[in-house]
Amino acid sequence: METKNFYFKIYGWWKNIDKFIFLIIFSLFFLGLFFSFVSTSIIASDKLNTNSYYFFVKHLIFIAIAIFILISISFIEQKKLLKISYLLFIIFVISLILVPIIGIEVKGSKRWIDLPSPFPNFQPIELLKPFFIISIASVISIEKNKNIYLNYFLSFLLLLPIVFLLIMQPDIGQTILIISTWLTLIFVSGISLIIFFSSFIFIGSLISYLIFFIPKFEYIKNRIISFLNPNTGSNYQSEKASEAIINGGFFGKGVGEGTLNSKIPEAHTDYIVSVISEEFGIIIVLIIILFFLTLTYRVFKKINIQSENKIKLILLGTISILLIQALIHIGVNISFLPTTGMTLPFLSYGGSSIISTAILAGVILNLTKRNLN
């Protein structure tokens, strides 16, 4: 009897989910796994002197965990998902608070918490992002408050401590991503354009002040200066990434023929688009961009048929943060933006990033089901 009920639930889930969205999500995860297999073996064999499948196996494990999380989230009843999300939002905010206290420092930034073996390090902001969106969307859509600007103010109060904690790490890239998503949500919810652009200018001015006048952010200022003036000679990573794209041409140099991974560190995370382009050509990158745009279009279609404002805002926030992050990553790789250290959702190597993307994708699958309980 229990087995029959289990299969009935599986059938009901498969019947109700948007299979097109499901296919795009799995295709992107599969592409990330494939590119991890063909592009990271050189790192393990040459730099770590270990099994050439070291990074691929780790990536495979994270993908397996991500798929389990994704499907589990898409199964949960909508009301339960929202309640769980509020609790997880609080938990991961607390973990973000703990980063300056017990976090580990990598390359001058303290962004990770070191967990006991066999658990890997994790980046709290990555796991916080999906639940931040759900919480912000829920606050903005509170109907008890007749004054919508009170809701905006409450959402700003949720945003403020997270931004402060990110700045303290420092992590300007994630700060900009979080603020951009918040601005997107308040913009589409009907805020006055005067107030919106005033907020945009104020936040932009504040971030600019931090970067150019606070010594802690000297490295970010140097990145921007080297981006604006390549003759400074301190833009090595971006230059090599651009060269890799140019050398790859339209169809690429071939599997295993790329050299970017051996020239710059973390190429399989921060510069995965350049790695892919060098070996497989710009045509594959264009296909990946098409996947993201198609996913965005499909989710937007689902938003149009939703009747509840909260669900509309959550869907908009989840797809917006994925798209914004992808555009920032691609912009950095083609030297259109200064280096940010931003991963490419679904494809970049990195456990926290993959799990965060899976949670976002699971929320999208859950809220776009045809028959919600």
Protein backbone atom coordinates (compact mmCIF):
# COMPACT_ATOMS: atom_id res chain seq x y z
CA MET A 1 0.00 0.00 0.00
CA GLU A 2 2.80 2.40 0.93
CA THR A 3 4.61 1.58 -2.32
CA LYS A 4 1.43 2.29 -4.28
CA ASN A 5 1.01 5.66 -2.53
CA PHE A 6 4.65 6.50 -3.25
CA TYR A 7 4.27 5.81 -6.97
CA PHE A 8 1.01 7.77 -6.96
CA LYS A 9 2.82 10.78 -5.48
CA ILE A 10 5.61 10.46 -8.03
CA TYR A 11 3.07 10.30 -10.83
CA GLY A 12 1.19 13.32 -9.49
CA TRP A 13 4.43 15.28 -9.17
CA TRP A 14 5.55 14.43 -12.70
CA LYS A 15 2.11 15.21 -14.09
CA ASN A 16 1.96 18.66 -12.48
CA ILE A 17 5.47 20.06 -12.86
CA ASP A 18 6.42 22.16 -15.87
CA LYS A 19 8.40 19.57 -17.82
CA PHE A 20 9.95 22.17 -20.10
CA ILE A 21 11.42 24.08 -17.14
CA PHE A 22 12.50 20.76 -15.63
CA LEU A 23 14.30 19.81 -18.87
CA ILE A 24 16.13 23.15 -19.10
CA ILE A 25 17.29 22.95 -15.49
CA PHE A 26 18.58 19.40 -15.87
CA SER A 27 20.23 20.25 -19.18
CA LEU A 28 22.15 23.11 -17.55
CA PHE A 29 23.25 20.90 -14.65
CA PHE A 30 24.32 18.18 -17.11
CA LEU A 31 26.31 20.71 -19.16
CA GLY A 32 28.06 21.86 -15.97
CA LEU A 33 28.92 18.25 -15.14
CA PHE A 34 30.21 17.57 -18.64
CA PHE A 35 32.39 20.68 -18.76
CA SER A 36 33.71 19.85 -15.29
CA PHE A 37 34.73 16.43 -16.57
CA VAL A 38 36.59 17.67 -19.64
CA SER A 39 38.09 20.88 -18.25
CA THR A 40 39.22 20.21 -14.67
CA SER A 41 41.28 17.04 -15.08
CA ILE A 42 44.38 19.11 -15.92
CA ILE A 43 44.10 20.94 -12.58
CA ALA A 44 43.97 17.75 -10.56
CA SER A 45 46.72 15.96 -12.45
CA ASP A 46 49.16 18.87 -12.86
CA LYS A 47 48.62 20.96 -9.74
CA LEU A 48 47.40 18.47 -7.15
CA ASN A 49 49.32 15.45 -8.42
CA THR A 50 46.31 13.27 -7.73
CA ASN A 51 43.51 11.43 -9.47
CA SER A 52 42.68 13.33 -12.65
CA TYR A 53 38.98 13.00 -11.84
CA TYR A 54 39.29 14.65 -8.41
CA PHE A 55 37.30 17.80 -9.23
CA PHE A 56 34.84 15.95 -11.43
CA VAL A 57 33.99 13.45 -8.68
CA LYS A 58 33.43 16.29 -6.19
CA HIS A 59 31.31 18.12 -8.75
CA LEU A 60 29.33 14.93 -9.42
CA ILE A 61 28.63 14.49 -5.70
CA PHE A 62 27.44 18.09 -5.40
CA ILE A 63 25.21 17.70 -8.47
CA ALA A 64 23.68 14.52 -7.02
CA ILE A 65 22.96 16.33 -3.73
CA ALA A 66 21.61 19.33 -5.66
CA ILE A 67 19.21 17.19 -7.71
CA PHE A 68 17.94 15.49 -4.56
CA ILE A 69 17.36 18.92 -2.94
CA LEU A 70 15.76 20.31 -6.09
CA ILE A 71 13.27 17.46 -6.42
CA SER A 72 12.54 17.45 -2.67
CA ILE A 73 11.73 21.17 -2.70
CA SER A 74 9.50 20.77 -5.75
CA PHE A 75 7.54 18.08 -3.86
CA ILE A 76 6.76 20.18 -0.76
CA GLU A 77 3.33 21.71 -0.33
CA GLN A 78 3.49 25.42 -1.14
CA LYS A 79 2.44 26.69 2.30
CA LYS A 80 4.93 24.38 4.03
CA LEU A 81 7.67 25.54 1.66
CA LEU A 82 7.09 29.16 2.62
CA LYS A 83 7.08 28.39 6.36
CA ILE A 84 10.28 26.34 6.07
CA SER A 85 11.86 29.13 4.02
CA TYR A 86 11.25 31.73 6.74
CA LEU A 87 12.92 29.45 9.30
CA LEU A 88 15.89 28.74 7.00
CA PHE A 89 16.21 32.46 6.31
CA ILE A 90 16.76 33.07 10.03
CA ILE A 91 19.18 30.14 10.32
CA PHE A 92 21.36 31.29 7.41
CA VAL A 93 21.31 34.92 8.58
CA ILE A 94 22.69 33.63 11.88
CA SER A 95 25.33 31.64 9.99
CA LEU A 96 26.23 34.81 8.07
CA ILE A 97 26.64 36.62 11.41
CA LEU A 98 28.99 33.84 12.53
CA VAL A 99 31.29 34.23 9.52
CA PRO A 100 33.40 37.07 11.05
CA ILE A 101 33.68 35.05 14.27
CA ILE A 102 34.39 31.47 13.15
CA GLY A 103 34.76 31.85 9.39
CA ILE A 104 37.92 31.00 7.46
CA GLU A 105 39.81 33.57 5.41
CA VAL A 106 40.63 32.87 1.77
CA LYS A 107 42.55 35.40 -0.35
CA GLY A 108 41.89 38.25 2.07
CA SER A 109 38.13 37.65 2.42
CA LYS A 110 36.32 35.82 5.20
CA ARG A 111 33.26 34.32 3.50
CA TRP A 112 33.25 30.62 4.41
CA ILE A 113 32.46 28.53 7.48
CA ASP A 114 34.62 25.47 8.01
CA LEU A 115 32.51 22.44 8.94
CA PRO A 116 33.87 19.27 10.57
CA SER A 117 34.98 16.50 8.22
CA PRO A 118 33.58 15.01 6.02
CA PHE A 119 31.41 18.07 5.41
CA PRO A 120 32.89 20.71 3.08
CA ASN A 121 33.23 24.43 3.76
CA PHE A 122 30.14 26.40 2.86
CA GLN A 123 29.42 30.01 1.99
CA PRO A 124 26.37 31.18 4.00
CA ILE A 125 25.32 33.91 1.57
CA GLU A 126 24.90 31.36 -1.22
CA LEU A 127 22.44 29.32 0.83
CA LEU A 128 20.76 32.44 2.17
CA LYS A 129 19.91 33.93 -1.23
CA PRO A 130 16.88 31.74 -2.11
CA PHE A 131 15.26 32.27 1.30
CA PHE A 132 16.10 35.97 1.23
CA ILE A 133 14.06 36.28 -1.98
CA ILE A 134 11.11 34.39 -0.50
CA SER A 135 11.19 36.48 2.69
CA ILE A 136 11.52 39.81 0.86
CA ALA A 137 8.71 38.92 -1.57
CA SER A 138 6.49 37.90 1.36
CA VAL A 139 7.13 41.18 3.21
CA ILE A 140 6.48 43.33 0.12
CA SER A 141 3.19 41.51 -0.55
CA ILE A 142 1.78 41.85 3.00
CA GLU A 143 -1.81 42.94 2.47
CA LYS A 144 -2.58 43.95 6.06
CA ASN A 145 -0.57 47.14 5.65
CA LYS A 146 -2.56 49.64 3.62
CA ASN A 147 0.57 51.69 3.00
CA ILE A 148 2.79 49.75 0.56
CA TYR A 149 5.76 51.95 1.49
CA LEU A 150 5.70 50.46 4.97
CA ASN A 151 6.24 47.09 3.31
CA TYR A 152 9.15 48.52 1.31
CA PHE A 153 10.66 49.89 4.50
CA LEU A 154 10.29 46.53 6.26
CA SER A 155 11.93 44.77 3.33
CA PHE A 156 14.77 47.30 3.49
CA LEU A 157 15.23 46.44 7.17
CA LEU A 158 15.68 42.79 6.14
CA LEU A 159 18.15 43.77 3.43
CA LEU A 160 20.27 46.12 5.55
CA PRO A 161 21.93 43.64 7.97
CA ILE A 162 22.70 41.22 5.15
CA VAL A 163 24.37 43.95 3.10
CA PHE A 164 26.31 45.11 6.15
CA LEU A 165 27.58 41.59 6.85
CA LEU A 166 28.59 41.10 3.21
CA ILE A 167 30.46 44.39 3.15
CA MET A 168 32.35 43.36 6.28
CA GLN A 169 33.62 40.14 4.65
CA PRO A 170 34.16 41.93 2.15
CA ASP A 171 32.07 40.62 -0.77
CA ILE A 172 30.98 43.46 -3.03
CA GLY A 173 29.93 41.08 -5.82
CA GLN A 174 27.29 39.33 -3.71
CA THR A 175 26.32 42.69 -2.18
CA ILE A 176 25.54 44.09 -5.62
CA LEU A 177 23.66 40.90 -6.56
CA ILE A 178 21.49 40.99 -3.43
CA ILE A 179 20.74 44.71 -3.76
CA SER A 180 19.95 44.34 -7.48
CA THR A 181 17.44 41.59 -6.73
CA TRP A 182 15.80 43.67 -4.00
CA LEU A 183 15.57 46.67 -6.33
CA THR A 184 14.02 44.45 -9.01
CA LEU A 185 11.33 43.24 -6.63
CA ILE A 186 10.37 46.68 -5.32
CA PHE A 187 10.44 48.10 -8.86
CA VAL A 188 7.96 45.57 -10.30
CA SER A 189 5.74 45.85 -7.21
CA GLY A 190 4.80 49.39 -8.22
CA ILE A 191 7.06 51.76 -6.31
CA SER A 192 7.22 55.40 -7.36
CA LEU A 193 9.94 55.90 -9.98
CA ILE A 194 11.22 58.96 -8.14
CA ILE A 195 11.71 56.99 -4.93
CA PHE A 196 13.12 54.01 -6.82
CA PHE A 197 15.77 55.98 -8.69
CA SER A 198 16.57 58.01 -5.57
CA SER A 199 17.20 54.73 -3.74
CA PHE A 200 19.26 53.46 -6.66
CA ILE A 201 21.44 56.58 -6.72
CA PHE A 202 21.86 56.56 -2.93
CA ILE A 203 22.90 52.89 -2.82
CA GLY A 204 25.18 53.32 -5.84
CA SER A 205 26.84 56.34 -4.23
CA LEU A 206 27.30 54.50 -0.94
CA ILE A 207 28.95 51.50 -2.62
CA SER A 208 31.16 53.81 -4.68
CA TYR A 209 32.25 55.63 -1.52
CA LEU A 210 33.12 52.34 0.19
CA ILE A 211 35.16 51.14 -2.78
CA PHE A 212 37.12 54.33 -3.42
CA PHE A 213 37.58 55.79 0.07
CA ILE A 214 37.66 52.87 2.53
CA PRO A 215 41.08 51.08 2.68
CA LYS A 216 39.44 47.68 3.25
CA PHE A 217 38.12 47.76 -0.31
CA GLU A 218 41.40 48.81 -1.91
CA TYR A 219 41.58 45.58 -3.92
CA ILE A 220 38.17 46.28 -5.49
CA LYS A 221 39.25 49.81 -6.41
CA ASN A 222 42.38 48.37 -8.03
CA ARG A 223 40.24 45.95 -10.05
CA ILE A 224 38.05 48.78 -11.32
CA ILE A 225 41.05 50.98 -12.17
CA SER A 226 42.76 48.13 -14.03
CA PHE A 227 39.49 47.40 -15.82
CA LEU A 228 39.14 51.02 -16.95
CA ASN A 229 42.84 51.33 -17.75
CA PRO A 230 44.25 47.98 -18.97
CA ASN A 231 47.69 49.60 -19.36
CA THR A 232 48.18 49.34 -15.60
CA GLY A 233 49.14 45.71 -16.18
CA SER A 234 47.19 44.42 -13.17
CA ASN A 235 44.30 42.93 -15.13
CA TYR A 236 46.01 39.61 -15.81
CA GLN A 237 43.06 37.27 -15.21
CA SER A 238 40.61 39.20 -17.38
CA GLU A 239 43.16 39.51 -20.15
CA LYS A 240 43.83 35.76 -20.16
CA ALA A 241 40.11 35.02 -20.07
CA SER A 242 39.51 37.28 -23.07
CA GLU A 243 42.44 35.71 -24.91
CA ALA A 244 40.98 32.26 -24.27
CA ILE A 245 37.66 33.29 -25.84
CA ILE A 246 39.45 34.81 -28.86
CA ASN A 247 41.71 31.77 -29.29
CA GLY A 248 38.73 29.44 -29.10
CA GLY A 249 37.04 31.18 -31.97
CA PHE A 250 33.66 30.01 -33.15
CA PHE A 251 34.13 26.24 -32.78
CA GLY A 252 36.90 25.99 -30.16
CA LYS A 253 40.36 24.44 -30.03
CA GLY A 254 39.09 21.01 -29.06
CA VAL A 255 38.53 18.97 -25.91
CA GLY A 256 41.52 19.18 -23.58
CA GLU A 257 43.31 21.74 -25.75
CA GLY A 258 42.50 24.73 -23.57
CA THR A 259 45.22 26.35 -21.47
CA LEU A 260 43.27 28.86 -19.36
CA ASN A 261 42.93 26.45 -16.42
CA SER A 262 46.70 26.26 -16.14
CA LYS A 263 47.17 30.04 -16.38
CA ILE A 264 44.79 31.44 -13.78
CA PRO A 265 43.48 30.02 -10.49
CA GLU A 266 39.79 29.17 -10.04
CA ALA A 267 39.17 29.30 -13.80
CA HIS A 268 36.64 26.46 -13.46
CA THR A 269 34.57 28.67 -11.12
CA ASP A 270 35.02 32.38 -11.91
CA TYR A 271 35.91 31.97 -15.61
CA ILE A 272 34.04 28.84 -16.67
CA VAL A 273 32.58 30.62 -19.72
CA SER A 274 36.10 31.41 -20.97
CA VAL A 275 37.19 27.81 -20.31
CA ILE A 276 34.21 26.49 -22.28
CA SER A 277 34.69 28.99 -25.10
CA GLU A 278 38.39 28.16 -25.52
CA GLU A 279 37.77 24.44 -25.92
CA PHE A 280 34.31 24.31 -27.49
CA GLY A 281 33.89 27.70 -29.14
CA ILE A 282 31.70 30.71 -28.68
CA ILE A 283 28.80 28.81 -30.29
CA ILE A 284 28.44 26.68 -27.13
CA VAL A 285 28.44 29.81 -24.97
CA LEU A 286 25.66 31.26 -27.13
CA ILE A 287 23.68 28.05 -26.65
CA ILE A 288 24.14 28.33 -22.87
CA ILE A 289 22.92 31.94 -22.96
CA LEU A 290 19.92 30.76 -24.99
CA PHE A 291 19.17 28.19 -22.27
CA PHE A 292 19.12 30.93 -19.62
CA LEU A 293 16.95 33.22 -21.73
CA THR A 294 14.53 30.40 -22.55
CA LEU A 295 14.26 29.49 -18.86
CA THR A 296 13.60 33.15 -18.04
CA TYR A 297 10.94 33.42 -20.75
CA ARG A 298 9.21 30.26 -19.56
CA VAL A 299 9.12 31.42 -15.93
CA PHE A 300 7.80 34.82 -17.01
CA LYS A 301 4.96 33.06 -18.83
CA LYS A 302 4.13 31.25 -15.62
CA ILE A 303 4.22 34.52 -13.67
CA ASN A 304 1.59 35.98 -16.00
CA ILE A 305 -0.94 33.28 -15.10
CA GLN A 306 -0.35 33.48 -11.34
CA SER A 307 -3.06 35.20 -9.32
CA GLU A 308 -1.21 35.67 -6.02
CA ASN A 309 1.21 38.60 -5.84
CA LYS A 310 3.52 36.84 -3.37
CA ILE A 311 4.06 33.90 -5.74
CA LYS A 312 4.61 36.27 -8.66
CA LEU A 313 7.29 38.16 -6.73
CA ILE A 314 9.02 34.98 -5.54
CA LEU A 315 9.18 33.60 -9.07
CA LEU A 316 10.39 36.92 -10.41
CA GLY A 317 13.04 37.15 -7.71
CA THR A 318 14.35 33.61 -8.21
CA ILE A 319 14.67 33.87 -11.97
CA SER A 320 16.04 37.43 -11.72
CA ILE A 321 18.88 36.49 -9.37
CA LEU A 322 19.85 33.57 -11.63
CA LEU A 323 19.80 35.75 -14.74
CA ILE A 324 21.60 38.71 -13.13
CA GLN A 325 24.32 36.43 -11.78
CA ALA A 326 24.73 34.76 -15.17
CA LEU A 327 24.98 38.12 -16.94
CA ILE A 328 27.55 39.40 -14.43
CA HIS A 329 29.64 36.23 -14.84
CA ILE A 330 29.53 36.43 -18.64
CA GLY A 331 30.22 40.18 -18.52
CA VAL A 332 33.38 39.57 -16.48
CA ASN A 333 34.54 36.82 -18.83
CA ILE A 334 34.25 39.00 -21.91
CA SER A 335 35.90 41.97 -20.11
CA PHE A 336 32.68 43.96 -20.14
CA LEU A 337 32.70 44.14 -16.33
CA PRO A 338 35.50 44.18 -13.73
CA THR A 339 36.33 40.93 -11.91
CA THR A 340 33.74 40.02 -9.27
CA GLY A 341 34.41 36.36 -8.44
CA MET A 342 30.83 35.51 -9.42
CA THR A 343 30.07 31.91 -10.39
CA LEU A 344 27.85 30.90 -13.31
CA PRO A 345 24.65 29.26 -11.99
CA PHE A 346 24.29 25.54 -12.82
CA LEU A 347 27.70 25.30 -14.53
CA SER A 348 30.49 26.62 -12.29
CA TYR A 349 32.34 24.32 -9.91
CA GLY A 350 31.61 24.98 -6.24
CA GLY A 351 29.41 23.22 -3.70
CA SER A 352 27.68 26.23 -2.13
CA SER A 353 26.92 27.75 -5.53
CA ILE A 354 25.50 24.48 -6.89
CA ILE A 355 23.29 23.90 -3.83
CA SER A 356 22.07 27.51 -3.91
CA THR A 357 21.17 27.16 -7.59
CA ALA A 358 19.37 23.88 -6.87
CA ILE A 359 17.27 25.51 -4.15
CA LEU A 360 16.32 28.36 -6.49
CA ALA A 361 15.47 25.89 -9.25
CA GLY A 362 13.46 23.76 -6.82
CA VAL A 363 11.43 26.80 -5.75
CA ILE A 364 10.76 27.62 -9.41
CA LEU A 365 9.61 24.05 -10.11
CA ASN A 366 7.40 24.07 -7.02
CA LEU A 367 5.66 27.36 -7.75
CA THR A 368 5.14 26.65 -11.46
CA LYS A 369 3.34 23.34 -10.92
CA ARG A 370 -0.06 23.16 -12.56
CA ASN A 371 -2.02 21.91 -9.58
CA LEU A 372 -0.73 23.27 -6.28
CA ASN A 373 -1.99 21.78 -3.07
